[in-house]
């Protein structure tokens, strides 16, 4: 039986989150966490949205919108 790797720790808005992740996907997880952290910091720094949860929702919506736009562009 193989042992799962220990959780990898990512930092988002200064808070540390341990995330279970296969060893071969850890690099991508770190890139994704940095990307999300950057998006959340951009939103926070505008000063219009307060609270980590609201910032996370707005970042998620922005990222989802960008993804959908890219998919639409590929279909055209």
C-alpha atoms as a PDB file:
ATOM      1  CA  UNK A   1       0.000   0.000   0.000  1.00  0.00           C
ATOM      2  CA  UNK A   2       1.406   3.393  -1.001  1.00  0.00           C
ATOM      3  CA  UNK A   3       1.451   6.240   1.452  1.00  0.00           C
ATOM      4  CA  UNK A   4      -0.022   9.559   0.378  1.00  0.00           C
ATOM      5  CA  UNK A   5       2.302  12.559   0.508  1.00  0.00           C
ATOM      6  CA  UNK A   6       1.830  15.043   3.339  1.00  0.00           C
ATOM      7  CA  UNK A   7      -0.408  18.021   2.565  1.00  0.00           C
ATOM      8  CA  UNK A   8       1.252  20.868   0.742  1.00  0.00           C
ATOM      9  CA  UNK A   9       0.896  24.293   2.342  1.00  0.00           C
ATOM     10  CA  UNK A  10      -0.219  27.244   0.228  1.00  0.00           C
ATOM     11  CA  UNK A  11      -0.531  30.881   1.251  1.00  0.00           C
ATOM     12  CA  UNK A  12      -3.541  32.908   0.161  1.00  0.00           C
ATOM     13  CA  UNK A  13      -3.972  36.473   1.454  1.00  0.00           C
ATOM     14  CA  UNK A  14      -1.460  35.745   4.177  1.00  0.00           C
ATOM     15  CA  UNK A  15      -3.284  32.703   5.487  1.00  0.00           C
ATOM     16  CA  UNK A  16      -1.810  29.210   5.233  1.00  0.00           C
ATOM     17  CA  UNK A  17      -3.913  26.331   3.909  1.00  0.00           C
ATOM     18  CA  UNK A  18      -2.744  22.692   3.947  1.00  0.00           C
ATOM     19  CA  UNK A  19      -4.010  20.953   0.796  1.00  0.00           C
ATOM     20  CA  UNK A  20      -3.892  17.223   0.058  1.00  0.00           C
ATOM     21  CA  UNK A  21      -2.480  16.782  -3.419  1.00  0.00           C
ATOM     22  CA  UNK A  22      -0.777  13.985  -5.369  1.00  0.00           C
ATOM     23  CA  UNK A  23       2.973  14.535  -5.619  1.00  0.00           C
ATOM     24  CA  UNK A  24       2.850  14.834  -9.418  1.00  0.00           C
ATOM     25  CA  UNK A  25       0.336  17.726  -9.213  1.00  0.00           C
ATOM     26  CA  UNK A  26       1.977  19.791  -6.471  1.00  0.00           C
ATOM     27  CA  UNK A  27       3.759  22.179  -8.836  1.00  0.00           C
ATOM     28  CA  UNK A  28       0.497  23.005 -10.606  1.00  0.00           C
ATOM     29  CA  UNK A  29      -1.247  23.478  -7.248  1.00  0.00           C
ATOM     30  CA  UNK A  30       1.391  26.007  -6.193  1.00  0.00           C
ATOM     31  CA  UNK A  31       0.979  27.885  -9.478  1.00  0.00           C
ATOM     32  CA  UNK A  32      -2.813  27.906  -9.081  1.00  0.00           C
ATOM     33  CA  UNK A  33      -2.537  29.124  -5.477  1.00  0.00           C
ATOM     34  CA  UNK A  34      -0.203  31.956  -6.510  1.00  0.00           C
ATOM     35  CA  UNK A  35      -2.588  32.916  -9.309  1.00  0.00           C
ATOM     36  CA  UNK A  36      -5.594  32.937  -6.952  1.00  0.00           C
ATOM     37  CA  UNK A  37      -3.648  34.884  -4.323  1.00  0.00           C
ATOM     38  CA  UNK A  38      -2.744  37.483  -6.945  1.00  0.00           C
ATOM     39  CA  UNK A  39      -6.351  37.848  -8.118  1.00  0.00           C
ATOM     40  CA  UNK A  40      -7.607  38.145  -4.547  1.00  0.00           C
ATOM     41  CA  UNK A  41      -4.978  40.762  -3.709  1.00  0.00           C
ATOM     42  CA  UNK A  42      -5.960  42.797  -6.780  1.00  0.00           C
ATOM     43  CA  UNK A  43      -9.583  42.796  -5.625  1.00  0.00           C
ATOM     44  CA  UNK A  44      -8.693  43.568  -2.004  1.00  0.00           C
ATOM     45  CA  UNK A  45      -6.395  46.413  -3.036  1.00  0.00           C
ATOM     46  CA  UNK A  46      -9.214  48.228  -4.865  1.00  0.00           C
ATOM     47  CA  UNK A  47     -10.715  48.818  -1.416  1.00  0.00           C
ATOM     48  CA  UNK A  48     -14.262  48.305  -2.692  1.00  0.00           C
ATOM     49  CA  UNK A  49     -14.731  44.783  -1.312  1.00  0.00           C
ATOM     50  CA  UNK A  50     -14.053  43.887   2.299  1.00  0.00           C
ATOM     51  CA  UNK A  51     -13.822  40.418   3.821  1.00  0.00           C
ATOM     52  CA  UNK A  52     -11.879  37.374   2.681  1.00  0.00           C
ATOM     53  CA  UNK A  53     -14.997  35.406   1.792  1.00  0.00           C
ATOM     54  CA  UNK A  54     -16.393  38.133  -0.460  1.00  0.00           C
ATOM     55  CA  UNK A  55     -12.977  38.660  -2.045  1.00  0.00           C
ATOM     56  CA  UNK A  56     -12.731  34.903  -2.715  1.00  0.00           C
ATOM     57  CA  UNK A  57     -16.180  34.835  -4.337  1.00  0.00           C
ATOM     58  CA  UNK A  58     -15.349  37.804  -6.568  1.00  0.00           C
ATOM     59  CA  UNK A  59     -12.005  36.248  -7.537  1.00  0.00           C
ATOM     60  CA  UNK A  60     -13.755  32.963  -8.334  1.00  0.00           C
ATOM     61  CA  UNK A  61     -16.323  34.734 -10.475  1.00  0.00           C
ATOM     62  CA  UNK A  62     -13.641  36.703 -12.315  1.00  0.00           C
ATOM     63  CA  UNK A  63     -11.587  33.565 -12.975  1.00  0.00           C
ATOM     64  CA  UNK A  64     -14.689  31.652 -14.132  1.00  0.00           C
ATOM     65  CA  UNK A  65     -15.582  34.525 -16.469  1.00  0.00           C
ATOM     66  CA  UNK A  66     -12.073  34.534 -17.959  1.00  0.00           C
ATOM     67  CA  UNK A  67     -12.219  30.757 -18.457  1.00  0.00           C
ATOM     68  CA  UNK A  68     -15.612  30.920 -20.161  1.00  0.00           C
ATOM     69  CA  UNK A  69     -14.388  33.724 -22.432  1.00  0.00           C
ATOM     70  CA  UNK A  70     -11.356  31.639 -23.444  1.00  0.00           C
ATOM     71  CA  UNK A  71     -13.575  28.636 -24.186  1.00  0.00           C
ATOM     72  CA  UNK A  72     -15.917  30.816 -26.244  1.00  0.00           C
ATOM     73  CA  UNK A  73     -12.968  32.262 -28.197  1.00  0.00           C
ATOM     74  CA  UNK A  74     -11.741  28.738 -29.018  1.00  0.00           C
ATOM     75  CA  UNK A  75     -15.170  27.760 -30.354  1.00  0.00           C
ATOM     76  CA  UNK A  76     -15.378  30.802 -32.653  1.00  0.00           C
END
